[in-house]
Amino acid sequence: MSNAVWFISYKLVEGASVSDFLQASKAANDEVLSKQKGYISWTVLAQGDTWVDLCTWETMEDAINAESENGEVHPAAAKFYAFIDYSTLNHQVYSVETKH
């Protein structure tokens, strides 16, 4: 079985502090995402005002299961989500076919 990657692009809400956003992403990673089954890594990229999250998972099943929040949002995740302009969000899940 191959790894899977979340490819999530978005812009921040108007007036968001980049340093506060990066702190919130670290807290969301440390307190929520990294504790999910199959988690490997989360890389945050930026080009201009567009941000991309690359989250790598052991399997496609792990990637899909980590998307569900079972009704309750962790406070660290909620703080991170507050920075995202959801009208710009694009979330895709890819299987890793090869690494060089």
N, C-alpha and C. Protein backbone atom coordinates (compact mmCIF):
# COMPACT_ATOMS: atom_id res chain seq x y z
N MET A 1 0.83 -1.19 0.00
CA MET A 1 0.00 0.00 0.00
C MET A 1 0.88 1.25 0.00
N SER A 2 0.44 2.26 -0.73
CA SER A 2 1.23 3.49 -0.82
C SER A 2 0.73 4.53 0.18
N ASN A 3 1.60 5.51 0.43
CA ASN A 3 1.22 6.64 1.27
C ASN A 3 0.16 7.46 0.57
N ALA A 4 -0.45 8.37 1.32
CA ALA A 4 -1.42 9.31 0.78
C ALA A 4 -1.05 10.71 1.25
N VAL A 5 -1.44 11.71 0.47
CA VAL A 5 -1.13 13.10 0.80
C VAL A 5 -2.38 13.95 0.68
N TRP A 6 -2.62 14.75 1.71
CA TRP A 6 -3.62 15.82 1.58
C TRP A 6 -2.91 16.97 0.90
N PHE A 7 -3.51 17.53 -0.14
CA PHE A 7 -3.03 18.75 -0.78
C PHE A 7 -4.15 19.76 -0.59
N ILE A 8 -3.93 20.72 0.30
CA ILE A 8 -4.97 21.68 0.65
C ILE A 8 -4.44 23.08 0.40
N SER A 9 -5.09 23.81 -0.51
CA SER A 9 -4.68 25.19 -0.78
C SER A 9 -5.77 26.14 -0.31
N TYR A 10 -5.34 27.33 0.11
CA TYR A 10 -6.27 28.31 0.65
C TYR A 10 -5.57 29.66 0.81
N LYS A 11 -6.36 30.66 1.09
CA LYS A 11 -5.84 31.97 1.48
C LYS A 11 -6.28 32.23 2.91
N LEU A 12 -5.57 33.10 3.58
CA LEU A 12 -5.94 33.46 4.94
C LEU A 12 -7.03 34.53 4.92
N VAL A 13 -7.79 34.61 6.00
CA VAL A 13 -8.80 35.65 6.11
C VAL A 13 -8.11 37.01 6.11
N GLU A 14 -8.81 38.00 5.65
CA GLU A 14 -8.26 39.35 5.58
C GLU A 14 -7.80 39.82 6.96
N GLY A 15 -6.60 40.38 7.00
CA GLY A 15 -6.06 40.93 8.23
C GLY A 15 -5.38 39.92 9.14
N ALA A 16 -5.31 38.65 8.71
CA ALA A 16 -4.70 37.62 9.57
C ALA A 16 -3.20 37.87 9.74
N SER A 17 -2.72 37.64 10.92
CA SER A 17 -1.30 37.73 11.23
C SER A 17 -0.64 36.40 10.83
N VAL A 18 0.38 36.48 9.97
CA VAL A 18 1.07 35.27 9.54
C VAL A 18 1.73 34.57 10.71
N SER A 19 2.37 35.32 11.59
CA SER A 19 3.03 34.68 12.74
C SER A 19 2.01 33.99 13.64
N ASP A 20 0.84 34.59 13.85
CA ASP A 20 -0.20 33.96 14.66
C ASP A 20 -0.74 32.71 13.96
N PHE A 21 -0.89 32.80 12.64
CA PHE A 21 -1.35 31.65 11.86
C PHE A 21 -0.37 30.49 11.98
N LEU A 22 0.93 30.78 11.85
CA LEU A 22 1.94 29.71 11.93
C LEU A 22 1.97 29.10 13.34
N GLN A 23 1.76 29.91 14.36
CA GLN A 23 1.66 29.38 15.73
C GLN A 23 0.45 28.46 15.86
N ALA A 24 -0.68 28.89 15.27
CA ALA A 24 -1.90 28.08 15.33
C ALA A 24 -1.72 26.78 14.57
N SER A 25 -1.00 26.82 13.44
CA SER A 25 -0.79 25.58 12.68
C SER A 25 0.09 24.62 13.47
N LYS A 26 1.09 25.13 14.17
CA LYS A 26 1.96 24.27 14.99
C LYS A 26 1.15 23.64 16.11
N ALA A 27 0.31 24.42 16.78
CA ALA A 27 -0.52 23.88 17.86
C ALA A 27 -1.49 22.83 17.33
N ALA A 28 -2.11 23.09 16.17
CA ALA A 28 -3.03 22.11 15.58
C ALA A 28 -2.29 20.83 15.23
N ASN A 29 -1.07 20.96 14.75
CA ASN A 29 -0.27 19.78 14.43
C ASN A 29 0.08 19.01 15.71
N ASP A 30 0.62 19.72 16.68
CA ASP A 30 1.09 19.08 17.91
C ASP A 30 -0.03 18.45 18.73
N GLU A 31 -1.19 19.12 18.77
CA GLU A 31 -2.27 18.70 19.66
C GLU A 31 -3.33 17.82 18.97
N VAL A 32 -3.39 17.87 17.64
CA VAL A 32 -4.48 17.17 16.95
C VAL A 32 -3.95 16.26 15.85
N LEU A 33 -3.43 16.85 14.80
CA LEU A 33 -3.10 16.09 13.60
C LEU A 33 -2.08 14.99 13.84
N SER A 34 -1.01 15.32 14.55
CA SER A 34 0.06 14.33 14.76
C SER A 34 -0.38 13.15 15.61
N LYS A 35 -1.53 13.25 16.24
CA LYS A 35 -2.03 12.17 17.08
C LYS A 35 -2.96 11.22 16.30
N GLN A 36 -3.23 11.55 15.04
CA GLN A 36 -4.12 10.73 14.22
C GLN A 36 -3.39 9.48 13.72
N LYS A 37 -4.12 8.39 13.59
CA LYS A 37 -3.56 7.14 13.10
C LYS A 37 -2.96 7.34 11.70
N GLY A 38 -1.74 6.90 11.52
CA GLY A 38 -1.10 6.93 10.22
C GLY A 38 -0.44 8.24 9.85
N TYR A 39 -0.49 9.22 10.73
CA TYR A 39 0.13 10.52 10.45
C TYR A 39 1.64 10.36 10.24
N ILE A 40 2.17 11.02 9.19
CA ILE A 40 3.61 11.04 8.96
C ILE A 40 4.16 12.46 9.11
N SER A 41 3.58 13.42 8.39
CA SER A 41 4.11 14.78 8.46
C SER A 41 3.09 15.78 7.91
N TRP A 42 3.34 17.06 8.27
CA TRP A 42 2.55 18.18 7.74
C TRP A 42 3.53 19.27 7.38
N THR A 43 3.53 19.67 6.13
CA THR A 43 4.38 20.75 5.64
C THR A 43 3.48 21.89 5.21
N VAL A 44 3.80 23.11 5.66
CA VAL A 44 3.04 24.30 5.29
C VAL A 44 3.88 25.10 4.29
N LEU A 45 3.32 25.38 3.12
CA LEU A 45 3.99 26.12 2.05
C LEU A 45 3.26 27.41 1.77
N ALA A 46 3.96 28.38 1.22
CA ALA A 46 3.31 29.64 0.83
C ALA A 46 3.94 30.17 -0.45
N GLN A 47 3.09 30.77 -1.28
CA GLN A 47 3.53 31.53 -2.44
C GLN A 47 2.60 32.72 -2.54
N GLY A 48 3.16 33.90 -2.28
CA GLY A 48 2.31 35.09 -2.24
C GLY A 48 1.30 34.93 -1.12
N ASP A 49 0.02 35.11 -1.46
CA ASP A 49 -1.02 34.99 -0.44
C ASP A 49 -1.72 33.63 -0.45
N THR A 50 -1.18 32.69 -1.22
CA THR A 50 -1.74 31.33 -1.27
C THR A 50 -0.90 30.40 -0.41
N TRP A 51 -1.58 29.65 0.41
CA TRP A 51 -0.96 28.69 1.33
C TRP A 51 -1.32 27.29 0.90
N VAL A 52 -0.43 26.35 1.15
CA VAL A 52 -0.67 24.94 0.84
C VAL A 52 -0.23 24.10 2.02
N ASP A 53 -1.09 23.19 2.43
CA ASP A 53 -0.75 22.19 3.43
C ASP A 53 -0.54 20.86 2.71
N LEU A 54 0.61 20.24 2.94
CA LEU A 54 0.88 18.89 2.45
C LEU A 54 0.96 17.99 3.67
N CYS A 55 -0.05 17.18 3.89
CA CYS A 55 -0.08 16.26 5.01
C CYS A 55 0.08 14.85 4.47
N THR A 56 1.08 14.14 4.97
CA THR A 56 1.37 12.80 4.48
C THR A 56 0.90 11.77 5.50
N TRP A 57 0.27 10.73 4.96
CA TRP A 57 -0.32 9.66 5.77
C TRP A 57 0.23 8.31 5.32
N GLU A 58 0.22 7.34 6.21
CA GLU A 58 0.71 6.01 5.86
C GLU A 58 -0.13 5.35 4.78
N THR A 59 -1.46 5.53 4.84
CA THR A 59 -2.35 4.91 3.85
C THR A 59 -3.46 5.88 3.46
N MET A 60 -4.12 5.58 2.35
CA MET A 60 -5.27 6.36 1.92
C MET A 60 -6.38 6.28 2.96
N GLU A 61 -6.56 5.13 3.55
CA GLU A 61 -7.58 4.96 4.59
C GLU A 61 -7.31 5.88 5.77
N ASP A 62 -6.04 5.98 6.19
CA ASP A 62 -5.69 6.89 7.29
C ASP A 62 -6.01 8.33 6.92
N ALA A 63 -5.68 8.73 5.68
CA ALA A 63 -5.93 10.10 5.22
C ALA A 63 -7.42 10.41 5.23
N ILE A 64 -8.23 9.48 4.77
CA ILE A 64 -9.68 9.70 4.72
C ILE A 64 -10.27 9.72 6.13
N ASN A 65 -9.84 8.80 6.97
CA ASN A 65 -10.37 8.74 8.35
C ASN A 65 -9.99 9.96 9.17
N ALA A 66 -8.82 10.54 8.91
CA ALA A 66 -8.38 11.71 9.66
C ALA A 66 -9.21 12.95 9.33
N GLU A 67 -9.93 12.92 8.21
CA GLU A 67 -10.76 14.07 7.82
C GLU A 67 -12.00 14.20 8.68
N SER A 68 -12.50 13.09 9.21
CA SER A 68 -13.74 13.16 10.00
C SER A 68 -13.40 13.61 11.42
N GLU A 69 -14.25 14.47 11.96
CA GLU A 69 -13.99 15.03 13.29
C GLU A 69 -14.95 14.52 14.34
N ASN A 70 -15.82 13.61 13.98
CA ASN A 70 -16.75 13.00 14.94
C ASN A 70 -17.55 14.01 15.74
N GLY A 71 -17.93 15.12 15.10
CA GLY A 71 -18.82 16.08 15.73
C GLY A 71 -18.19 17.16 16.57
N GLU A 72 -17.03 16.90 17.18
CA GLU A 72 -16.40 17.90 18.04
C GLU A 72 -15.08 18.35 17.44
N VAL A 73 -14.86 19.66 17.42
CA VAL A 73 -13.62 20.22 16.91
C VAL A 73 -12.72 20.59 18.09
N HIS A 74 -11.52 20.08 18.07
CA HIS A 74 -10.54 20.39 19.11
C HIS A 74 -10.27 21.89 19.11
N PRO A 75 -10.11 22.52 20.27
CA PRO A 75 -9.86 23.97 20.32
C PRO A 75 -8.66 24.42 19.49
N ALA A 76 -7.59 23.64 19.46
CA ALA A 76 -6.41 24.01 18.65
C ALA A 76 -6.75 23.98 17.16
N ALA A 77 -7.56 23.02 16.75
CA ALA A 77 -7.98 22.95 15.35
C ALA A 77 -8.89 24.12 15.02
N ALA A 78 -9.82 24.44 15.91
CA ALA A 78 -10.74 25.56 15.69
C ALA A 78 -9.97 26.87 15.53
N LYS A 79 -8.93 27.07 16.33
CA LYS A 79 -8.13 28.29 16.23
C LYS A 79 -7.44 28.35 14.87
N PHE A 80 -6.89 27.22 14.42
CA PHE A 80 -6.27 27.16 13.10
C PHE A 80 -7.28 27.45 12.00
N TYR A 81 -8.44 26.80 12.05
CA TYR A 81 -9.49 26.98 11.03
C TYR A 81 -9.94 28.43 10.93
N ALA A 82 -9.89 29.17 12.03
CA ALA A 82 -10.35 30.56 12.04
C ALA A 82 -9.50 31.46 11.12
N PHE A 83 -8.31 31.03 10.78
CA PHE A 83 -7.44 31.81 9.90
C PHE A 83 -7.73 31.58 8.42
N ILE A 84 -8.50 30.55 8.07
CA ILE A 84 -8.68 30.15 6.68
C ILE A 84 -9.91 30.82 6.06
N ASP A 85 -9.71 31.38 4.87
CA ASP A 85 -10.82 31.92 4.07
C ASP A 85 -11.40 30.73 3.30
N TYR A 86 -12.50 30.18 3.80
CA TYR A 86 -13.06 28.96 3.24
C TYR A 86 -13.56 29.12 1.81
N SER A 87 -13.79 30.34 1.36
CA SER A 87 -14.22 30.53 -0.03
C SER A 87 -13.07 30.24 -1.00
N THR A 88 -11.84 30.14 -0.50
CA THR A 88 -10.67 29.88 -1.34
C THR A 88 -10.13 28.46 -1.16
N LEU A 89 -10.74 27.67 -0.29
CA LEU A 89 -10.22 26.36 0.07
C LEU A 89 -10.39 25.34 -1.05
N ASN A 90 -9.33 24.59 -1.31
CA ASN A 90 -9.36 23.46 -2.25
C ASN A 90 -8.65 22.30 -1.58
N HIS A 91 -9.38 21.21 -1.31
CA HIS A 91 -8.82 20.07 -0.58
C HIS A 91 -8.90 18.83 -1.46
N GLN A 92 -7.74 18.22 -1.70
CA GLN A 92 -7.67 17.00 -2.50
C GLN A 92 -6.82 15.98 -1.77
N VAL A 93 -7.09 14.71 -2.02
CA VAL A 93 -6.29 13.63 -1.44
C VAL A 93 -5.71 12.82 -2.60
N TYR A 94 -4.39 12.63 -2.55
CA TYR A 94 -3.67 11.92 -3.60
C TYR A 94 -2.98 10.69 -3.01
N SER A 95 -2.87 9.64 -3.84
CA SER A 95 -2.01 8.52 -3.45
C SER A 95 -0.61 8.79 -3.97
N VAL A 96 0.38 8.39 -3.21
CA VAL A 96 1.77 8.55 -3.62
C VAL A 96 2.14 7.34 -4.47
N GLU A 97 2.45 7.58 -5.71
CA GLU A 97 2.75 6.49 -6.64
C GLU A 97 4.24 6.15 -6.69
N THR A 98 5.09 7.15 -6.48
CA THR A 98 6.53 6.91 -6.45
C THR A 98 7.23 8.05 -5.76
N LYS A 99 8.39 7.77 -5.18
CA LYS A 99 9.24 8.79 -4.59
C LYS A 99 10.61 8.63 -5.22
N HIS A 100 11.24 9.73 -5.52
CA HIS A 100 12.59 9.68 -6.13
C HIS A 100 13.62 10.21 -5.19
